[in-house]
Amino acid sequence: MASLNVSSVLVVLFLTCLEVMATKGNDQIIKENNCESKMGLPCVLEAFTSIFNTGSISSKCCGELVVLGKVCHSALVKRTLENPLFKDLNPATIIAKSIQTWNKILALIDSPSPST
């Protein structure tokens, strides 16, 4: 019985350490890449709405998101999911929407402009 309790404590400690490492990892990525200053507030709000609610991103903000880069984009989304305000959201759904948004902006950036 005592070994079961010790095992349970070890599992909880392991999971807690993983969570702390993930948080530090995202914060470290964001800090090292200066992620929080690469997009203007209007575009941050557009991207946030597109991923965490329902919305679209303008071509101007697509350009800013591409400059931000996928590493920063992913780290910022993951850090947002760590915020207790978003605990009721399904992380798998948000990450899928994040990937969908990223792929959509790449398609918009890569597609040729219509001829005038």
Protein backbone atom coordinates (compact mmCIF):
# COMPACT_ATOMS: atom_id res chain seq x y z
CA MET A 1 0.00 0.00 0.00
CA ALA A 2 2.85 2.39 0.85
CA SER A 3 4.49 1.72 -2.51
CA LEU A 4 1.26 2.73 -4.26
CA ASN A 5 1.26 6.07 -2.41
CA VAL A 6 4.93 6.66 -3.23
CA SER A 7 4.24 5.83 -6.87
CA SER A 8 1.29 8.23 -6.93
CA VAL A 9 3.42 11.02 -5.46
CA LEU A 10 6.17 10.36 -8.00
CA VAL A 11 3.70 10.50 -10.90
CA VAL A 12 2.26 13.79 -9.63
CA LEU A 13 5.75 15.26 -9.20
CA PHE A 14 6.75 14.10 -12.68
CA LEU A 15 3.65 15.64 -14.28
CA THR A 16 4.16 18.87 -12.35
CA CYS A 17 7.78 19.06 -13.52
CA LEU A 18 6.70 18.50 -17.11
CA GLU A 19 4.18 21.32 -16.85
CA VAL A 20 6.77 23.69 -15.36
CA MET A 21 9.28 22.77 -18.08
CA ALA A 22 6.68 23.35 -20.80
CA THR A 23 5.81 26.74 -19.34
CA LYS A 24 9.45 27.76 -19.06
CA GLY A 25 10.03 26.47 -22.56
CA ASN A 26 7.33 28.66 -24.10
CA ASP A 27 8.32 31.70 -22.05
CA GLN A 28 11.96 31.18 -22.96
CA ILE A 29 11.14 30.82 -26.67
CA ILE A 30 9.01 33.97 -26.55
CA LYS A 31 11.72 35.95 -24.76
CA GLU A 32 14.64 34.70 -26.89
CA ASN A 33 12.80 35.42 -30.14
CA ASN A 34 11.37 38.75 -28.99
CA CYS A 35 7.95 37.41 -30.02
CA GLU A 36 5.81 39.88 -28.13
CA SER A 37 7.02 42.91 -30.07
CA LYS A 38 6.87 41.58 -33.64
CA MET A 39 3.16 42.24 -34.27
CA GLY A 40 0.99 45.30 -33.80
CA LEU A 41 -1.93 45.09 -31.38
CA PRO A 42 -4.65 45.15 -34.10
CA CYS A 43 -3.07 42.12 -35.80
CA VAL A 44 -2.54 40.33 -32.49
CA LEU A 45 -6.26 40.76 -31.82
CA GLU A 46 -7.18 39.49 -35.31
CA ALA A 47 -5.00 36.41 -34.92
CA PHE A 48 -6.29 35.78 -31.39
CA THR A 49 -9.91 36.06 -32.55
CA SER A 50 -9.25 33.73 -35.47
CA ILE A 51 -7.74 31.07 -33.23
CA PHE A 52 -9.66 31.38 -29.96
CA ASN A 53 -13.04 32.48 -31.34
CA THR A 54 -14.28 32.89 -34.89
CA GLY A 55 -12.81 35.39 -37.27
CA SER A 56 -10.54 35.98 -40.20
CA ILE A 57 -7.17 37.62 -40.66
CA SER A 58 -6.55 40.46 -43.09
CA SER A 59 -3.74 40.19 -45.61
CA LYS A 60 -1.83 42.91 -43.69
CA CYS A 61 -1.98 40.82 -40.53
CA CYS A 62 -1.08 37.67 -42.46
CA GLY A 63 2.15 39.41 -43.39
CA GLU A 64 2.82 40.35 -39.76
CA LEU A 65 2.08 36.80 -38.62
CA VAL A 66 4.54 35.40 -41.16
CA VAL A 67 7.20 37.85 -39.91
CA LEU A 68 6.38 36.71 -36.36
CA GLY A 69 7.21 33.17 -37.48
CA LYS A 70 5.81 29.75 -36.71
CA VAL A 71 7.99 29.23 -33.61
CA CYS A 72 6.67 32.42 -31.97
CA HIS A 73 3.13 31.74 -33.18
CA SER A 74 3.10 28.27 -31.62
CA ALA A 75 4.77 29.38 -28.36
CA LEU A 76 2.32 32.26 -27.89
CA VAL A 77 -0.71 30.02 -28.52
CA LYS A 78 0.60 27.39 -26.09
CA ARG A 79 1.36 29.99 -23.43
CA THR A 80 -2.14 31.43 -23.81
CA LEU A 81 -3.58 27.95 -23.26
CA GLU A 82 -1.61 27.75 -20.00
CA ASN A 83 -3.46 30.82 -18.69
CA PRO A 84 -6.17 29.83 -16.18
CA LEU A 85 -8.64 32.11 -18.01
CA PHE A 86 -8.61 29.61 -20.88
CA LYS A 87 -8.81 26.42 -18.81
CA ASP A 88 -12.24 25.54 -20.21
CA LEU A 89 -11.02 25.49 -23.81
CA ASN A 90 -10.06 22.23 -25.47
CA PRO A 91 -6.30 22.52 -26.16
CA ALA A 92 -6.46 20.07 -29.08
CA THR A 93 -9.14 22.18 -30.78
CA ILE A 94 -7.21 25.42 -30.24
CA ILE A 95 -3.95 23.94 -31.50
CA ALA A 96 -5.78 22.58 -34.56
CA LYS A 97 -7.25 26.06 -35.21
CA SER A 98 -3.79 27.56 -34.71
CA ILE A 99 -2.31 25.22 -37.33
CA GLN A 100 -5.25 25.90 -39.66
CA THR A 101 -4.75 29.66 -39.27
CA TRP A 102 -1.01 29.34 -39.92
CA ASN A 103 -1.59 27.23 -43.06
CA LYS A 104 -4.26 29.66 -44.27
CA ILE A 105 -1.98 32.67 -43.96
CA LEU A 106 0.83 30.86 -45.75
CA ALA A 107 -1.56 30.01 -48.59
CA LEU A 108 -2.65 33.66 -48.80
CA ILE A 109 0.92 34.92 -48.78
CA ASP A 110 2.08 32.33 -51.35
CA SER A 111 -0.86 32.75 -53.75
CA PRO A 112 -0.28 35.07 -56.69
CA SER A 113 -2.11 38.38 -56.66
CA PRO A 114 -5.00 38.65 -59.13
CA SER A 115 -4.12 40.52 -62.31
CA THR A 116 -5.57 44.00 -62.67
